[in-house]
N, C-alpha and C. Protein backbone atom coordinates (compact mmCIF):
# COMPACT_ATOMS: atom_id res chain seq x y z
N MET A 1 250.03 139.56 278.84
CA MET A 1 249.57 139.64 277.51
C MET A 1 248.00 140.61 277.54
N GLY A 2 247.54 141.24 276.79
CA GLY A 2 246.20 141.70 276.76
C GLY A 2 245.90 142.94 277.31
N ASP A 3 247.02 143.39 278.12
CA ASP A 3 247.04 144.73 278.86
C ASP A 3 246.59 145.82 277.76
N LEU A 4 245.79 146.79 277.95
CA LEU A 4 245.82 148.06 277.24
C LEU A 4 246.78 148.79 277.71
N ILE A 5 247.84 149.28 276.80
CA ILE A 5 248.82 150.48 277.17
C ILE A 5 248.84 151.81 276.61
N HIS A 6 249.30 152.68 277.16
CA HIS A 6 249.93 153.74 276.24
C HIS A 6 251.36 154.08 276.03
N ASP A 7 251.76 153.97 274.85
CA ASP A 7 253.33 153.78 274.24
C ASP A 7 253.59 155.33 274.05
N GLU A 8 254.58 155.88 275.15
CA GLU A 8 254.89 156.99 275.32
C GLU A 8 255.49 157.46 273.93
N ILE A 9 256.38 156.98 273.41
CA ILE A 9 257.29 156.89 272.30
C ILE A 9 256.41 157.00 271.05
N ALA A 10 255.58 156.21 270.66
CA ALA A 10 254.69 155.98 269.59
C ALA A 10 253.67 156.92 269.81
N GLY A 11 253.22 157.47 270.69
CA GLY A 11 252.18 158.22 271.28
C GLY A 11 250.90 158.01 270.71
N ARG A 12 250.57 156.70 271.27
CA ARG A 12 249.25 155.93 270.87
C ARG A 12 249.25 154.83 271.87
N ARG A 13 247.77 154.15 271.92
CA ARG A 13 247.63 153.14 272.89
C ARG A 13 247.57 151.85 272.06
N GLY A 14 247.98 150.79 272.71
CA GLY A 14 247.74 149.62 272.00
C GLY A 14 247.74 148.35 273.16
N VAL A 15 247.64 147.19 272.48
CA VAL A 15 247.25 146.04 273.31
C VAL A 15 248.70 144.96 273.21
N VAL A 16 249.12 144.52 274.16
CA VAL A 16 250.45 143.88 274.25
C VAL A 16 249.74 142.42 273.89
N THR A 17 250.33 141.92 272.67
CA THR A 17 250.43 140.58 272.32
C THR A 17 251.48 139.67 272.44
N ASP A 18 252.44 140.11 272.83
CA ASP A 18 253.69 139.17 272.89
C ASP A 18 255.02 140.19 273.60
N VAL A 19 255.66 139.53 274.29
CA VAL A 19 256.94 139.90 274.77
C VAL A 19 258.17 138.87 274.39
N ARG A 20 259.03 139.43 273.64
CA ARG A 20 259.91 138.10 273.18
C ARG A 20 261.24 138.51 273.80
N GLY A 21 261.56 137.42 274.42
CA GLY A 21 263.09 137.55 275.26
C GLY A 21 263.05 138.53 276.38
N GLY A 22 261.72 138.93 276.67
CA GLY A 22 261.74 139.63 277.85
C GLY A 22 262.00 141.30 277.47
N ALA A 23 262.44 141.59 276.51
CA ALA A 23 263.09 142.61 276.11
C ALA A 23 262.41 143.53 275.10
N VAL A 24 261.59 142.89 274.22
CA VAL A 24 260.99 143.27 273.00
C VAL A 24 259.44 143.29 273.21
N TRP A 25 258.73 144.30 273.38
CA TRP A 25 257.11 144.13 273.66
C TRP A 25 256.61 144.32 272.16
N VAL A 26 255.68 143.66 271.74
CA VAL A 26 254.82 143.46 270.53
C VAL A 26 253.34 144.06 270.99
N LEU A 27 252.90 145.03 270.12
CA LEU A 27 251.82 145.50 270.39
C LEU A 27 251.02 145.80 269.17
N ARG A 28 249.74 146.00 269.35
CA ARG A 28 248.76 146.25 268.33
C ARG A 28 247.78 147.17 268.51
N PRO A 29 247.22 148.05 267.57
CA PRO A 29 246.38 149.13 267.71
C PRO A 29 245.16 148.37 268.62
N GLU A 30 244.41 149.41 269.36
CA GLU A 30 243.21 148.96 270.00
C GLU A 30 242.05 148.38 268.95
N SER A 31 242.01 149.06 267.80
CA SER A 31 241.15 148.58 266.69
C SER A 31 241.87 148.83 265.49
N GLY A 32 241.52 147.76 264.27
CA GLY A 32 242.31 147.98 263.18
C GLY A 32 243.58 147.14 263.21
N PRO A 33 243.86 146.90 262.05
CA PRO A 33 245.06 146.01 261.89
C PRO A 33 246.29 146.82 261.82
N GLY A 34 247.60 146.18 262.01
CA GLY A 34 249.06 146.78 262.28
C GLY A 34 249.64 146.16 263.53
N ARG A 35 250.67 146.41 263.68
CA ARG A 35 251.37 146.14 264.74
C ARG A 35 252.69 146.89 265.11
N TRP A 36 253.20 147.19 266.48
CA TRP A 36 254.47 147.83 266.57
C TRP A 36 255.36 147.15 267.59
N THR A 37 256.60 147.17 267.68
CA THR A 37 257.11 146.90 268.82
C THR A 37 258.04 148.00 269.73
N SER A 38 258.31 147.77 270.78
CA SER A 38 258.85 148.61 271.91
C SER A 38 260.08 148.18 272.56
N ARG A 39 261.27 148.41 272.61
CA ARG A 39 262.22 148.14 273.31
C ARG A 39 262.56 148.74 274.36
N GLN A 40 261.59 149.73 275.02
CA GLN A 40 261.81 150.63 276.01
C GLN A 40 260.46 150.20 276.79
N PRO A 41 260.23 149.27 277.85
CA PRO A 41 259.23 149.23 278.68
C PRO A 41 259.02 150.15 279.70
N GLU A 42 259.86 150.91 280.02
CA GLU A 42 259.79 151.61 280.90
C GLU A 42 258.95 152.91 280.46
N ARG A 43 258.79 153.21 278.96
CA ARG A 43 258.24 154.03 278.34
C ARG A 43 256.66 153.57 278.01
N LEU A 44 256.25 152.20 278.44
CA LEU A 44 254.67 151.88 278.34
C LEU A 44 254.22 151.99 279.64
N THR A 45 252.95 152.58 279.62
CA THR A 45 252.05 152.80 281.13
C THR A 45 250.64 151.81 280.76
N VAL A 46 250.38 150.97 281.79
CA VAL A 46 249.48 150.01 281.90
C VAL A 46 248.20 151.15 281.94
N VAL A 47 247.14 151.11 280.99
CA VAL A 47 245.90 151.93 280.84
C VAL A 47 244.74 151.21 281.43
N THR A 48 244.45 150.00 280.99
CA THR A 48 243.74 149.07 281.69
C THR A 48 244.10 147.58 281.68
N PRO A 49 244.58 146.82 282.73
CA PRO A 49 244.82 145.58 282.89
C PRO A 49 244.07 144.68 282.22
N ARG A 50 244.44 143.70 281.55
CA ARG A 50 243.72 142.60 280.89
C ARG A 50 242.35 142.30 281.81
N GLU A 51 242.58 141.76 282.98
CA GLU A 51 241.83 141.35 284.04
C GLU A 51 240.61 142.36 284.01
N ALA A 52 241.04 143.63 283.95
CA ALA A 52 239.98 144.66 284.15
C ALA A 52 238.82 144.88 282.95
N SER A 53 239.30 144.39 281.57
CA SER A 53 239.01 144.52 280.20
C SER A 53 237.84 143.40 280.14
N ARG A 54 237.91 142.41 281.07
CA ARG A 54 237.01 141.07 280.62
C ARG A 54 235.52 141.61 280.97
N THR A 55 234.83 141.02 280.07
CA THR A 55 233.13 141.25 280.38
C THR A 55 232.39 140.17 281.01
N TRP A 56 233.19 138.93 281.16
CA TRP A 56 232.74 137.82 281.90
C TRP A 56 232.94 137.59 282.95
N PRO A 57 231.90 137.04 284.02
CA PRO A 57 232.51 136.68 285.27
C PRO A 57 233.48 135.91 285.51
């Protein structure tokens, strides 16, 4: 959870908020409201891992 990804099918970036049953990925936009799901994790590419986006040591 927390990785910034690019969703090839949706054509946008989002943050992973949940993975349900190992098959449905729930994402939210980088900013603003909303969410969407992906059932094809092979079409998701990590842009920034959660660990790299932390601002504290």
